[in-house]
Amino acid sequence: MLTDTTVRQSKPKDKPYKLTDSGGLYLLINTTGKYWRLNYRFTGKQKTLALGVYPSISLIDARKRCDQAKVLLANDVDPSESRKEQKLQKAITENNSFEAVSRLWWSHWKHDKTERHANYTIRRMEADIFPAIGHKPVNELTTAQFIAVVREVESRGL
C-alpha cells in the first residue's frame, strides 16, 4: 500500500507510470501531474474512474473516493455513470435557477423597450432580487418567498 511520503516524493519519468495502492486504486504519474485512478469492472467490462489530481486530492481522500465508488458497485451502480448523472443534474439545476430564467426572459423582453428602461430593469433585479432568490430553482420558489423579496424592496421606498 502507498504512503503519503511515497506519493509526495514520486517524480515524473520519461514515460507515464503507476504507483498501485489497493483495490484497484493507483496514482498515475506523467509529465503533466499526478492523477488518482480506480480500475474496476462493471458488467464484465474493465473501466477506469478518475478520482482527482494530487495534491488537491490526498491519499486519504482518494481512498475515501475509492470506497464510495465501491459502495456504488456493490449496489450495481456504475460509478462513472453515477458521476455523469450528478453533473447533468447540477447543470439542469443551475440552468433552472430563478436568475438564469429571469435573464432569459429579460433578453427576449428588452427588444421592444427603450435601452434605458431595459437596463434599469435588469440592474434592479441584480441588486434586489437575484441576491435573495436568484440561486433557487424556479420550481422550488414559493409565493411567500417572492412576496418577501418584493416587500423588502417596497419597505426601502424604491
C-alpha atoms as a PDB file:
ATOM      1  CA  MET A   1       0.000   0.000   0.000  1.00  0.00           C
ATOM      2  CA  LEU A   2       1.082   3.548  -0.702  1.00  0.00           C
ATOM      3  CA  THR A   3       2.223   6.017   1.918  1.00  0.00           C
ATOM      4  CA  ASP A   4       1.909   9.781   1.788  1.00  0.00           C
ATOM      5  CA  THR A   5       5.700  10.079   1.662  1.00  0.00           C
ATOM      6  CA  THR A   6       5.943   7.775  -1.357  1.00  0.00           C
ATOM      7  CA  VAL A   7       3.258   9.746  -3.189  1.00  0.00           C
ATOM      8  CA  ARG A   8       4.828  13.107  -2.336  1.00  0.00           C
ATOM      9  CA  GLN A   9       8.343  12.075  -3.376  1.00  0.00           C
ATOM     10  CA  SER A  10       7.386  10.407  -6.664  1.00  0.00           C
ATOM     11  CA  LYS A  11       8.752  12.269  -9.688  1.00  0.00           C
ATOM     12  CA  PRO A  12       7.820  12.164 -13.378  1.00  0.00           C
ATOM     13  CA  LYS A  13       9.894   9.954 -15.657  1.00  0.00           C
ATOM     14  CA  ASP A  14      10.281   9.713 -19.426  1.00  0.00           C
ATOM     15  CA  LYS A  15       7.134   7.598 -19.649  1.00  0.00           C
ATOM     16  CA  PRO A  16       3.986   7.625 -17.509  1.00  0.00           C
ATOM     17  CA  TYR A  17       3.978   5.046 -14.707  1.00  0.00           C
ATOM     18  CA  LYS A  18       1.690   3.844 -11.921  1.00  0.00           C
ATOM     19  CA  LEU A  19       2.051   3.506  -8.174  1.00  0.00           C
ATOM     20  CA  THR A  20      -0.554   1.000  -7.018  1.00  0.00           C
ATOM     21  CA  ASP A  21      -2.341   1.146  -3.692  1.00  0.00           C
ATOM     22  CA  SER A  22      -5.045  -1.471  -3.160  1.00  0.00           C
ATOM     23  CA  GLY A  23      -8.420  -2.466  -4.517  1.00  0.00           C
ATOM     24  CA  GLY A  24      -7.729  -1.051  -7.973  1.00  0.00           C
ATOM     25  CA  LEU A  25      -6.639   2.393  -6.737  1.00  0.00           C
ATOM     26  CA  TYR A  26      -3.446   3.780  -8.228  1.00  0.00           C
ATOM     27  CA  LEU A  27      -1.580   7.015  -8.833  1.00  0.00           C
ATOM     28  CA  LEU A  28      -0.755   7.697 -12.471  1.00  0.00           C
ATOM     29  CA  ILE A  29       2.345   9.862 -12.754  1.00  0.00           C
ATOM     30  CA  ASN A  30       3.220  11.581 -16.006  1.00  0.00           C
ATOM     31  CA  THR A  31       4.950  14.789 -17.030  1.00  0.00           C
ATOM     32  CA  THR A  32       1.803  16.900 -16.511  1.00  0.00           C
ATOM     33  CA  GLY A  33       0.987  15.751 -12.976  1.00  0.00           C
ATOM     34  CA  LYS A  34      -0.156  13.020 -10.612  1.00  0.00           C
ATOM     35  CA  TYR A  35      -3.646  11.595 -11.124  1.00  0.00           C
ATOM     36  CA  TRP A  36      -5.658   9.264  -8.898  1.00  0.00           C
ATOM     37  CA  ARG A  37      -7.403   6.497 -10.843  1.00  0.00           C
ATOM     38  CA  LEU A  38      -9.532   3.483  -9.948  1.00  0.00           C
ATOM     39  CA  ASN A  39      -9.731   0.409 -12.131  1.00  0.00           C
ATOM     40  CA  TYR A  40     -12.956  -1.564 -11.723  1.00  0.00           C
ATOM     41  CA  ARG A  41     -15.163  -4.000 -13.577  1.00  0.00           C
ATOM     42  CA  PHE A  42     -18.823  -3.363 -14.308  1.00  0.00           C
ATOM     43  CA  THR A  43     -20.981  -5.810 -16.248  1.00  0.00           C
ATOM     44  CA  GLY A  44     -17.827  -7.702 -17.185  1.00  0.00           C
ATOM     45  CA  LYS A  45     -16.059  -4.690 -18.696  1.00  0.00           C
ATOM     46  CA  GLN A  46     -12.852  -3.109 -17.436  1.00  0.00           C
ATOM     47  CA  LYS A  47     -13.318   0.600 -16.664  1.00  0.00           C
ATOM     48  CA  THR A  48     -11.253   3.401 -15.137  1.00  0.00           C
ATOM     49  CA  LEU A  49     -12.609   6.188 -12.944  1.00  0.00           C
ATOM     50  CA  ALA A  50     -10.711   9.449 -12.422  1.00  0.00           C
ATOM     51  CA  LEU A  51     -10.702  10.372  -8.728  1.00  0.00           C
ATOM     52  CA  GLY A  52      -8.766  13.637  -8.777  1.00  0.00           C
ATOM     53  CA  VAL A  53      -5.352  15.253  -9.012  1.00  0.00           C
ATOM     54  CA  TYR A  54      -2.651  15.072  -6.355  1.00  0.00           C
ATOM     55  CA  PRO A  55      -2.016  17.182  -4.193  1.00  0.00           C
ATOM     56  CA  SER A  56      -5.574  18.604  -4.345  1.00  0.00           C
ATOM     57  CA  ILE A  57      -6.790  15.116  -3.507  1.00  0.00           C
ATOM     58  CA  SER A  58      -4.655  13.494  -0.822  1.00  0.00           C
ATOM     59  CA  LEU A  59      -4.077   9.764  -0.418  1.00  0.00           C
ATOM     60  CA  ILE A  60      -6.720   9.620   2.312  1.00  0.00           C
ATOM     61  CA  ASP A  61      -9.258  11.472   0.150  1.00  0.00           C
ATOM     62  CA  ALA A  62      -8.500   9.205  -2.812  1.00  0.00           C
ATOM     63  CA  ARG A  63      -9.122   6.143  -0.641  1.00  0.00           C
ATOM     64  CA  LYS A  64     -12.425   7.639   0.558  1.00  0.00           C
ATOM     65  CA  ARG A  65     -13.497   8.271  -3.033  1.00  0.00           C
ATOM     66  CA  CYS A  66     -12.445   4.731  -3.898  1.00  0.00           C
ATOM     67  CA  ASP A  67     -14.597   3.379  -1.057  1.00  0.00           C
ATOM     68  CA  GLN A  68     -17.575   5.472  -2.226  1.00  0.00           C
ATOM     69  CA  ALA A  69     -17.204   4.053  -5.729  1.00  0.00           C
ATOM     70  CA  LYS A  70     -17.064   0.518  -4.337  1.00  0.00           C
ATOM     71  CA  VAL A  71     -20.296   1.114  -2.411  1.00  0.00           C
ATOM     72  CA  LEU A  72     -21.947   2.104  -5.685  1.00  0.00           C
ATOM     73  CA  LEU A  73     -20.549  -1.002  -7.374  1.00  0.00           C
ATOM     74  CA  ALA A  74     -21.882  -3.179  -4.552  1.00  0.00           C
ATOM     75  CA  ASN A  75     -25.329  -1.714  -5.297  1.00  0.00           C
ATOM     76  CA  ASP A  76     -24.972  -2.485  -9.044  1.00  0.00           C
ATOM     77  CA  VAL A  77     -24.421   1.171  -9.979  1.00  0.00           C
ATOM     78  CA  ASP A  78     -21.625   2.182 -12.354  1.00  0.00           C
ATOM     79  CA  PRO A  79     -19.650   4.965 -10.570  1.00  0.00           C
ATOM     80  CA  SER A  80     -18.807   6.620 -13.874  1.00  0.00           C
ATOM     81  CA  GLU A  81     -22.457   6.765 -14.936  1.00  0.00           C
ATOM     82  CA  SER A  82     -23.450   7.975 -11.475  1.00  0.00           C
ATOM     83  CA  ARG A  83     -20.970  10.863 -11.757  1.00  0.00           C
ATOM     84  CA  LYS A  84     -22.291  11.786 -15.215  1.00  0.00           C
ATOM     85  CA  GLU A  85     -25.839  11.806 -13.848  1.00  0.00           C
ATOM     86  CA  GLN A  86     -24.811  14.070 -10.950  1.00  0.00           C
ATOM     87  CA  LYS A  87     -23.133  16.521 -13.343  1.00  0.00           C
ATOM     88  CA  LEU A  88     -26.226  16.556 -15.549  1.00  0.00           C
ATOM     89  CA  GLN A  89     -28.499  17.204 -12.556  1.00  0.00           C
ATOM     90  CA  LYS A  90     -26.231  20.041 -11.421  1.00  0.00           C
ATOM     91  CA  ALA A  91     -26.302  21.604 -14.899  1.00  0.00           C
ATOM     92  CA  ILE A  92     -30.090  21.353 -15.028  1.00  0.00           C
ATOM     93  CA  THR A  93     -30.390  22.939 -11.585  1.00  0.00           C
ATOM     94  CA  GLU A  94     -28.023  25.783 -12.500  1.00  0.00           C
ATOM     95  CA  ASN A  95     -29.861  26.486 -15.755  1.00  0.00           C
ATOM     96  CA  ASN A  96     -33.204  26.337 -13.957  1.00  0.00           C
ATOM     97  CA  SER A  97     -32.364  28.920 -11.312  1.00  0.00           C
ATOM     98  CA  PHE A  98     -34.546  31.992 -10.956  1.00  0.00           C
ATOM     99  CA  GLU A  99     -31.656  34.167 -12.127  1.00  0.00           C
ATOM    100  CA  ALA A 100     -31.000  32.102 -15.273  1.00  0.00           C
ATOM    101  CA  VAL A 101     -34.685  32.032 -16.221  1.00  0.00           C
ATOM    102  CA  SER A 102     -35.057  35.752 -15.468  1.00  0.00           C
ATOM    103  CA  ARG A 103     -32.083  36.645 -17.641  1.00  0.00           C
ATOM    104  CA  LEU A 104     -33.521  34.552 -20.476  1.00  0.00           C
ATOM    105  CA  TRP A 105     -36.874  36.316 -20.071  1.00  0.00           C
ATOM    106  CA  TRP A 106     -35.138  39.718 -19.982  1.00  0.00           C
ATOM    107  CA  SER A 107     -33.188  39.019 -23.183  1.00  0.00           C
ATOM    108  CA  HIS A 108     -36.489  38.428 -25.026  1.00  0.00           C
ATOM    109  CA  TRP A 109     -38.449  41.148 -23.223  1.00  0.00           C
ATOM    110  CA  LYS A 110     -35.997  44.033 -23.768  1.00  0.00           C
ATOM    111  CA  HIS A 111     -36.322  44.244 -27.571  1.00  0.00           C
ATOM    112  CA  ASP A 112     -39.397  46.464 -27.660  1.00  0.00           C
ATOM    113  CA  LYS A 113     -38.339  48.583 -24.656  1.00  0.00           C
ATOM    114  CA  THR A 114     -36.050  51.586 -24.518  1.00  0.00           C
ATOM    115  CA  GLU A 115     -32.449  50.758 -23.698  1.00  0.00           C
ATOM    116  CA  ARG A 116     -32.610  52.880 -20.558  1.00  0.00           C
ATOM    117  CA  HIS A 117     -35.714  51.076 -19.251  1.00  0.00           C
ATOM    118  CA  ALA A 118     -34.347  47.622 -20.096  1.00  0.00           C
ATOM    119  CA  ASN A 119     -31.030  48.346 -18.357  1.00  0.00           C
ATOM    120  CA  TYR A 120     -32.801  49.794 -15.320  1.00  0.00           C
ATOM    121  CA  THR A 121     -34.936  46.665 -15.017  1.00  0.00           C
ATOM    122  CA  ILE A 122     -32.014  44.224 -15.090  1.00  0.00           C
ATOM    123  CA  ARG A 123     -29.968  46.382 -12.683  1.00  0.00           C
ATOM    124  CA  ARG A 124     -32.841  46.393 -10.184  1.00  0.00           C
ATOM    125  CA  MET A 125     -33.144  42.609 -10.465  1.00  0.00           C
ATOM    126  CA  GLU A 126     -29.369  42.208  -9.974  1.00  0.00           C
ATOM    127  CA  ALA A 127     -29.390  44.477  -6.927  1.00  0.00           C
ATOM    128  CA  ASP A 128     -32.591  43.380  -5.204  1.00  0.00           C
ATOM    129  CA  ILE A 129     -33.927  40.043  -6.383  1.00  0.00           C
ATOM    130  CA  PHE A 130     -31.015  37.862  -7.546  1.00  0.00           C
ATOM    131  CA  PRO A 131     -29.069  38.065  -4.249  1.00  0.00           C
ATOM    132  CA  ALA A 132     -32.120  36.827  -2.340  1.00  0.00           C
ATOM    133  CA  ILE A 133     -33.691  34.191  -4.600  1.00  0.00           C
ATOM    134  CA  GLY A 134     -31.629  34.110  -7.806  1.00  0.00           C
ATOM    135  CA  HIS A 135     -29.839  30.860  -6.907  1.00  0.00           C
ATOM    136  CA  LYS A 136     -33.044  28.900  -6.196  1.00  0.00           C
ATOM    137  CA  PRO A 137     -34.613  26.607  -8.807  1.00  0.00           C
ATOM    138  CA  VAL A 138     -37.763  28.126 -10.256  1.00  0.00           C
ATOM    139  CA  ASN A 139     -39.883  25.087  -9.420  1.00  0.00           C
ATOM    140  CA  GLU A 140     -38.909  25.339  -5.719  1.00  0.00           C
ATOM    141  CA  LEU A 141     -39.774  29.031  -5.269  1.00  0.00           C
ATOM    142  CA  THR A 142     -42.858  29.736  -3.217  1.00  0.00           C
ATOM    143  CA  THR A 143     -45.145  32.708  -3.487  1.00  0.00           C
ATOM    144  CA  ALA A 144     -44.226  33.698   0.057  1.00  0.00           C
ATOM    145  CA  GLN A 145     -40.507  33.872  -0.809  1.00  0.00           C
ATOM    146  CA  PHE A 146     -41.167  36.069  -3.812  1.00  0.00           C
ATOM    147  CA  ILE A 147     -43.524  38.344  -1.876  1.00  0.00           C
ATOM    148  CA  ALA A 148     -40.958  38.691   0.946  1.00  0.00           C
ATOM    149  CA  VAL A 149     -38.351  39.967  -1.527  1.00  0.00           C
ATOM    150  CA  VAL A 150     -40.815  42.417  -3.095  1.00  0.00           C
ATOM    151  CA  ARG A 151     -41.921  43.708   0.331  1.00  0.00           C
ATOM    152  CA  GLU A 152     -38.310  44.248   1.336  1.00  0.00           C
ATOM    153  CA  VAL A 153     -37.781  46.425  -1.749  1.00  0.00           C
ATOM    154  CA  GLU A 154     -41.053  48.287  -1.042  1.00  0.00           C
ATOM    155  CA  SER A 155     -40.001  48.985   2.546  1.00  0.00           C
ATOM    156  CA  ARG A 156     -36.918  50.835   1.286  1.00  0.00           C
ATOM    157  CA  GLY A 157     -39.190  53.103  -0.748  1.00  0.00           C
ATOM    158  CA  LEU A 158     -37.927  52.088  -4.183  1.00  0.00           C
END
